Amino acid sequence: LTKNVPMFVCTMAYPTVPCPLHVFEPRYRLMIRRSMETGTKQFGMCISDSQNGFADYGCMLQIRNVHFLPDGRSVVDTVGGKRFRVLQRGMKDGYCTADIEYLEDVKVC
């Protein structure tokens, strides 16, 4: 998953760290639903950036569980995965997307 990755522009996420989300905006409700229906169960998380819309670096979040509320909101249990760099920004149905490349840590000998 490196092309047209859905991006949640909200907070900072880190590998292996849980990131619970309360999703209420229609664009992100759609994004979460699509992530679940397509089976990827993941999306990128970046903080906001006033010039580019969102930061050049972020972290993939893996959805562990979603609790859908009767009014359409949801509580999403995610955990941080791989870090990435944004190569190109896009938009789909109101939410941001990006082409990304994953970052590799330098191994310590």
N, C-alpha and C. Protein backbone atom coordinates (compact mmCIF):
# COMPACT_ATOMS: atom_id res chain seq x y z
N LEU A 1 0.84 -1.18 0.00
CA LEU A 1 0.00 0.00 0.00
C LEU A 1 0.89 1.25 0.00
N THR A 2 1.19 1.76 -1.22
CA THR A 2 2.02 2.96 -1.33
C THR A 2 1.42 4.01 -2.27
N LYS A 3 0.36 3.67 -2.98
CA LYS A 3 -0.28 4.59 -3.93
C LYS A 3 -1.67 4.96 -3.44
N ASN A 4 -2.01 6.23 -3.54
CA ASN A 4 -3.34 6.73 -3.11
C ASN A 4 -3.73 6.26 -1.71
N VAL A 5 -2.78 6.33 -0.80
CA VAL A 5 -3.02 5.92 0.59
C VAL A 5 -3.92 6.96 1.26
N PRO A 6 -5.04 6.53 1.87
CA PRO A 6 -5.88 7.49 2.59
C PRO A 6 -5.11 8.10 3.76
N MET A 7 -5.26 9.41 3.94
CA MET A 7 -4.53 10.11 5.00
C MET A 7 -5.50 10.75 5.99
N PHE A 8 -5.29 10.46 7.25
CA PHE A 8 -6.05 11.08 8.33
C PHE A 8 -5.16 12.20 8.87
N VAL A 9 -5.59 13.44 8.68
CA VAL A 9 -4.80 14.59 9.11
C VAL A 9 -5.31 15.01 10.49
N CYS A 10 -4.52 14.68 11.51
CA CYS A 10 -5.01 14.92 12.86
C CYS A 10 -3.88 15.09 13.87
N THR A 11 -3.20 14.02 14.18
CA THR A 11 -2.24 14.03 15.29
C THR A 11 -0.98 13.27 14.89
N MET A 12 -0.03 13.21 15.79
CA MET A 12 1.20 12.47 15.55
C MET A 12 0.99 11.02 16.00
N ALA A 13 1.43 10.09 15.16
CA ALA A 13 1.35 8.67 15.51
C ALA A 13 2.75 8.07 15.45
N TYR A 14 2.97 7.02 16.22
CA TYR A 14 4.29 6.40 16.32
C TYR A 14 4.17 4.88 16.16
N PRO A 15 5.21 4.26 15.58
CA PRO A 15 5.19 2.79 15.44
C PRO A 15 4.99 2.11 16.79
N THR A 16 4.18 1.09 16.81
CA THR A 16 3.85 0.22 17.95
C THR A 16 2.98 0.89 19.03
N VAL A 17 2.69 2.19 18.91
CA VAL A 17 1.94 2.91 19.94
C VAL A 17 0.46 2.96 19.57
N PRO A 18 -0.43 2.55 20.49
CA PRO A 18 -1.87 2.64 20.22
C PRO A 18 -2.31 4.08 19.97
N CYS A 19 -3.26 4.25 19.06
CA CYS A 19 -3.77 5.59 18.71
C CYS A 19 -5.29 5.50 18.57
N PRO A 20 -6.03 5.62 19.69
CA PRO A 20 -7.49 5.56 19.61
C PRO A 20 -8.05 6.82 18.95
N LEU A 21 -9.05 6.66 18.10
CA LEU A 21 -9.63 7.79 17.38
C LEU A 21 -11.14 7.83 17.54
N HIS A 22 -11.67 9.04 17.69
CA HIS A 22 -13.12 9.26 17.69
C HIS A 22 -13.43 9.91 16.34
N VAL A 23 -14.06 9.17 15.45
CA VAL A 23 -14.28 9.64 14.08
C VAL A 23 -15.73 10.13 13.95
N PHE A 24 -15.86 11.42 13.60
CA PHE A 24 -17.20 12.00 13.47
C PHE A 24 -17.38 12.78 12.17
N GLU A 25 -16.29 13.23 11.54
CA GLU A 25 -16.42 13.97 10.28
C GLU A 25 -16.83 13.01 9.17
N PRO A 26 -17.81 13.40 8.33
CA PRO A 26 -18.27 12.51 7.25
C PRO A 26 -17.16 12.00 6.34
N ARG A 27 -16.18 12.86 6.01
CA ARG A 27 -15.10 12.42 5.11
C ARG A 27 -14.27 11.30 5.74
N TYR A 28 -14.01 11.39 7.05
CA TYR A 28 -13.22 10.35 7.70
C TYR A 28 -14.05 9.12 8.01
N ARG A 29 -15.36 9.31 8.22
CA ARG A 29 -16.24 8.14 8.39
C ARG A 29 -16.21 7.30 7.12
N LEU A 30 -16.26 7.97 5.96
CA LEU A 30 -16.17 7.28 4.67
C LEU A 30 -14.82 6.59 4.51
N MET A 31 -13.75 7.29 4.87
CA MET A 31 -12.41 6.74 4.74
C MET A 31 -12.24 5.46 5.58
N ILE A 32 -12.70 5.49 6.83
CA ILE A 32 -12.60 4.32 7.72
C ILE A 32 -13.43 3.16 7.16
N ARG A 33 -14.65 3.46 6.72
CA ARG A 33 -15.51 2.42 6.16
C ARG A 33 -14.84 1.77 4.95
N ARG A 34 -14.25 2.57 4.07
CA ARG A 34 -13.57 2.02 2.90
C ARG A 34 -12.35 1.17 3.29
N SER A 35 -11.61 1.62 4.28
CA SER A 35 -10.44 0.85 4.74
C SER A 35 -10.86 -0.52 5.26
N MET A 36 -12.01 -0.57 5.92
CA MET A 36 -12.50 -1.84 6.44
C MET A 36 -13.05 -2.71 5.31
N GLU A 37 -13.82 -2.12 4.39
CA GLU A 37 -14.45 -2.89 3.31
C GLU A 37 -13.44 -3.45 2.32
N THR A 38 -12.38 -2.70 2.04
CA THR A 38 -11.37 -3.17 1.07
C THR A 38 -10.42 -4.20 1.70
N GLY A 39 -10.42 -4.26 3.03
CA GLY A 39 -9.59 -5.24 3.72
C GLY A 39 -8.19 -4.76 4.04
N THR A 40 -7.81 -3.54 3.61
CA THR A 40 -6.47 -3.05 3.95
C THR A 40 -6.36 -2.77 5.44
N LYS A 41 -7.45 -2.28 6.03
CA LYS A 41 -7.51 -1.96 7.46
C LYS A 41 -6.36 -1.07 7.90
N GLN A 42 -5.92 -0.18 7.00
CA GLN A 42 -4.88 0.76 7.39
C GLN A 42 -4.99 2.06 6.61
N PHE A 43 -4.38 3.09 7.18
CA PHE A 43 -4.35 4.41 6.56
C PHE A 43 -3.20 5.18 7.18
N GLY A 44 -2.81 6.27 6.54
CA GLY A 44 -1.72 7.08 7.05
C GLY A 44 -2.22 8.15 8.01
N MET A 45 -1.38 8.51 8.97
CA MET A 45 -1.68 9.58 9.92
C MET A 45 -0.57 10.62 9.83
N CYS A 46 -0.96 11.87 9.60
CA CYS A 46 -0.02 12.99 9.56
C CYS A 46 -0.59 14.15 10.35
N ILE A 47 0.30 14.99 10.85
CA ILE A 47 -0.17 16.22 11.46
C ILE A 47 -0.41 17.25 10.37
N SER A 48 -1.19 18.26 10.68
CA SER A 48 -1.53 19.32 9.74
C SER A 48 -0.31 20.18 9.44
N ASP A 49 -0.27 20.72 8.22
CA ASP A 49 0.78 21.63 7.80
C ASP A 49 0.10 22.75 7.01
N SER A 50 0.32 24.00 7.43
CA SER A 50 -0.40 25.13 6.81
C SER A 50 -0.05 25.34 5.34
N GLN A 51 1.14 24.96 4.92
CA GLN A 51 1.53 25.16 3.52
C GLN A 51 1.10 24.02 2.61
N ASN A 52 1.27 22.77 3.07
CA ASN A 52 1.01 21.61 2.22
C ASN A 52 -0.25 20.84 2.56
N GLY A 53 -0.96 21.26 3.58
CA GLY A 53 -2.15 20.53 4.01
C GLY A 53 -1.84 19.52 5.10
N PHE A 54 -0.78 18.72 4.89
CA PHE A 54 -0.31 17.80 5.93
C PHE A 54 1.19 17.58 5.78
N ALA A 55 1.79 17.10 6.86
CA ALA A 55 3.25 16.98 6.97
C ALA A 55 3.84 16.03 5.92
N ASP A 56 5.13 16.17 5.67
CA ASP A 56 5.85 15.34 4.70
C ASP A 56 6.14 13.94 5.24
N TYR A 57 6.03 13.75 6.55
CA TYR A 57 6.30 12.46 7.16
C TYR A 57 5.13 12.06 8.04
N GLY A 58 4.90 10.75 8.14
CA GLY A 58 3.81 10.27 8.97
C GLY A 58 4.01 8.81 9.33
N CYS A 59 2.95 8.22 9.85
CA CYS A 59 3.00 6.83 10.31
C CYS A 59 1.72 6.12 9.86
N MET A 60 1.87 4.91 9.36
CA MET A 60 0.69 4.12 9.00
C MET A 60 0.02 3.65 10.29
N LEU A 61 -1.30 3.63 10.28
CA LEU A 61 -2.06 3.09 11.41
C LEU A 61 -2.79 1.85 10.95
N GLN A 62 -2.71 0.81 11.74
CA GLN A 62 -3.41 -0.44 11.47
C GLN A 62 -4.66 -0.48 12.35
N ILE A 63 -5.82 -0.68 11.72
CA ILE A 63 -7.08 -0.75 12.47
C ILE A 63 -7.18 -2.11 13.15
N ARG A 64 -7.33 -2.09 14.48
CA ARG A 64 -7.51 -3.33 15.23
C ARG A 64 -8.98 -3.63 15.46
N ASN A 65 -9.77 -2.56 15.69
CA ASN A 65 -11.20 -2.74 15.95
C ASN A 65 -11.92 -1.43 15.69
N VAL A 66 -13.16 -1.53 15.22
CA VAL A 66 -14.00 -0.34 15.03
C VAL A 66 -15.34 -0.59 15.72
N HIS A 67 -15.76 0.39 16.51
CA HIS A 67 -17.08 0.33 17.15
C HIS A 67 -17.92 1.42 16.52
N PHE A 68 -18.89 1.02 15.70
CA PHE A 68 -19.76 1.98 15.04
C PHE A 68 -20.91 2.35 15.97
N LEU A 69 -21.12 3.65 16.15
CA LEU A 69 -22.18 4.15 17.00
C LEU A 69 -23.45 4.38 16.17
N PRO A 70 -24.63 4.35 16.79
CA PRO A 70 -25.90 4.48 16.05
C PRO A 70 -26.02 5.75 15.21
N ASP A 71 -25.37 6.83 15.63
CA ASP A 71 -25.48 8.10 14.89
C ASP A 71 -24.46 8.24 13.77
N GLY A 72 -23.68 7.19 13.50
CA GLY A 72 -22.71 7.23 12.40
C GLY A 72 -21.28 7.47 12.83
N ARG A 73 -21.10 7.98 14.04
CA ARG A 73 -19.73 8.15 14.54
C ARG A 73 -19.12 6.77 14.80
N SER A 74 -17.80 6.75 15.01
CA SER A 74 -17.17 5.49 15.37
C SER A 74 -15.97 5.73 16.28
N VAL A 75 -15.68 4.74 17.09
CA VAL A 75 -14.49 4.73 17.91
C VAL A 75 -13.57 3.68 17.28
N VAL A 76 -12.40 4.14 16.85
CA VAL A 76 -11.50 3.27 16.09
C VAL A 76 -10.25 3.00 16.92
N ASP A 77 -9.97 1.73 17.15
CA ASP A 77 -8.78 1.30 17.88
C ASP A 77 -7.70 1.00 16.85
N THR A 78 -6.65 1.84 16.82
CA THR A 78 -5.55 1.63 15.87
C THR A 78 -4.23 1.53 16.62
N VAL A 79 -3.23 1.01 15.90
CA VAL A 79 -1.87 0.97 16.43
C VAL A 79 -0.93 1.39 15.31
N GLY A 80 0.10 2.12 15.69
CA GLY A 80 1.07 2.60 14.71
C GLY A 80 1.88 1.49 14.07
N GLY A 81 2.13 1.64 12.77
CA GLY A 81 2.94 0.68 12.01
C GLY A 81 4.19 1.35 11.47
N LYS A 82 4.38 1.25 10.16
CA LYS A 82 5.58 1.79 9.53
C LYS A 82 5.53 3.30 9.36
N ARG A 83 6.69 3.93 9.45
CA ARG A 83 6.81 5.36 9.16
C ARG A 83 6.96 5.54 7.65
N PHE A 84 6.55 6.70 7.15
CA PHE A 84 6.65 6.94 5.72
C PHE A 84 6.96 8.40 5.40
N ARG A 85 7.37 8.62 4.15
CA ARG A 85 7.58 9.96 3.60
C ARG A 85 6.58 10.15 2.47
N VAL A 86 5.96 11.32 2.42
CA VAL A 86 4.99 11.64 1.38
C VAL A 86 5.73 12.04 0.10
N LEU A 87 5.38 11.38 -1.01
CA LEU A 87 5.97 11.70 -2.30
C LEU A 87 5.06 12.62 -3.11
N GLN A 88 3.76 12.40 -3.03
CA GLN A 88 2.80 13.18 -3.80
C GLN A 88 1.46 13.21 -3.06
N ARG A 89 0.83 14.37 -3.07
CA ARG A 89 -0.45 14.55 -2.37
C ARG A 89 -1.61 14.51 -3.35
N GLY A 90 -2.77 14.04 -2.85
CA GLY A 90 -3.97 14.01 -3.66
C GLY A 90 -5.20 14.18 -2.78
N MET A 91 -6.36 14.00 -3.39
CA MET A 91 -7.63 14.15 -2.68
C MET A 91 -8.62 13.15 -3.26
N LYS A 92 -9.45 12.56 -2.40
CA LYS A 92 -10.49 11.64 -2.86
C LYS A 92 -11.72 11.82 -1.98
N ASP A 93 -12.82 12.21 -2.58
CA ASP A 93 -14.09 12.33 -1.87
C ASP A 93 -14.00 13.12 -0.57
N GLY A 94 -13.17 14.17 -0.56
CA GLY A 94 -13.09 15.04 0.61
C GLY A 94 -11.96 14.77 1.56
N TYR A 95 -11.34 13.59 1.49
CA TYR A 95 -10.20 13.33 2.37
C TYR A 95 -8.91 13.27 1.55
N CYS A 96 -7.81 13.54 2.23
CA CYS A 96 -6.51 13.56 1.58
C CYS A 96 -6.01 12.15 1.28
N THR A 97 -5.21 12.05 0.23
CA THR A 97 -4.52 10.81 -0.10
C THR A 97 -3.07 11.15 -0.41
N ALA A 98 -2.23 10.14 -0.49
CA ALA A 98 -0.83 10.39 -0.82
C ALA A 98 -0.18 9.15 -1.40
N ASP A 99 0.79 9.39 -2.26
CA ASP A 99 1.71 8.34 -2.67
C ASP A 99 2.87 8.45 -1.69
N ILE A 100 3.29 7.32 -1.14
CA ILE A 100 4.29 7.35 -0.07
C ILE A 100 5.42 6.36 -0.35
N GLU A 101 6.50 6.53 0.40
CA GLU A 101 7.55 5.51 0.46
C GLU A 101 7.84 5.26 1.93
N TYR A 102 8.02 3.98 2.26
CA TYR A 102 8.28 3.63 3.64
C TYR A 102 9.72 3.93 4.00
N LEU A 103 9.95 4.30 5.26
CA LEU A 103 11.28 4.61 5.75
C LEU A 103 11.89 3.37 6.38
N GLU A 104 13.15 3.17 6.14
CA GLU A 104 13.88 2.05 6.73
C GLU A 104 14.83 2.58 7.79
N ASP A 105 14.83 1.96 8.95
CA ASP A 105 15.78 2.35 9.99
C ASP A 105 17.15 1.81 9.64
N VAL A 106 18.18 2.58 10.00
CA VAL A 106 19.55 2.12 9.83
C VAL A 106 19.85 1.13 10.95
N LYS A 107 20.32 -0.04 10.56
CA LYS A 107 20.63 -1.07 11.56
C LYS A 107 21.89 -0.70 12.36
N VAL A 108 21.81 -0.91 13.67
CA VAL A 108 22.95 -0.66 14.54
C VAL A 108 23.69 -1.97 14.72
N CYS A 109 25.00 -1.94 14.44
CA CYS A 109 25.79 -3.18 14.53
C CYS A 109 26.15 -3.53 15.94
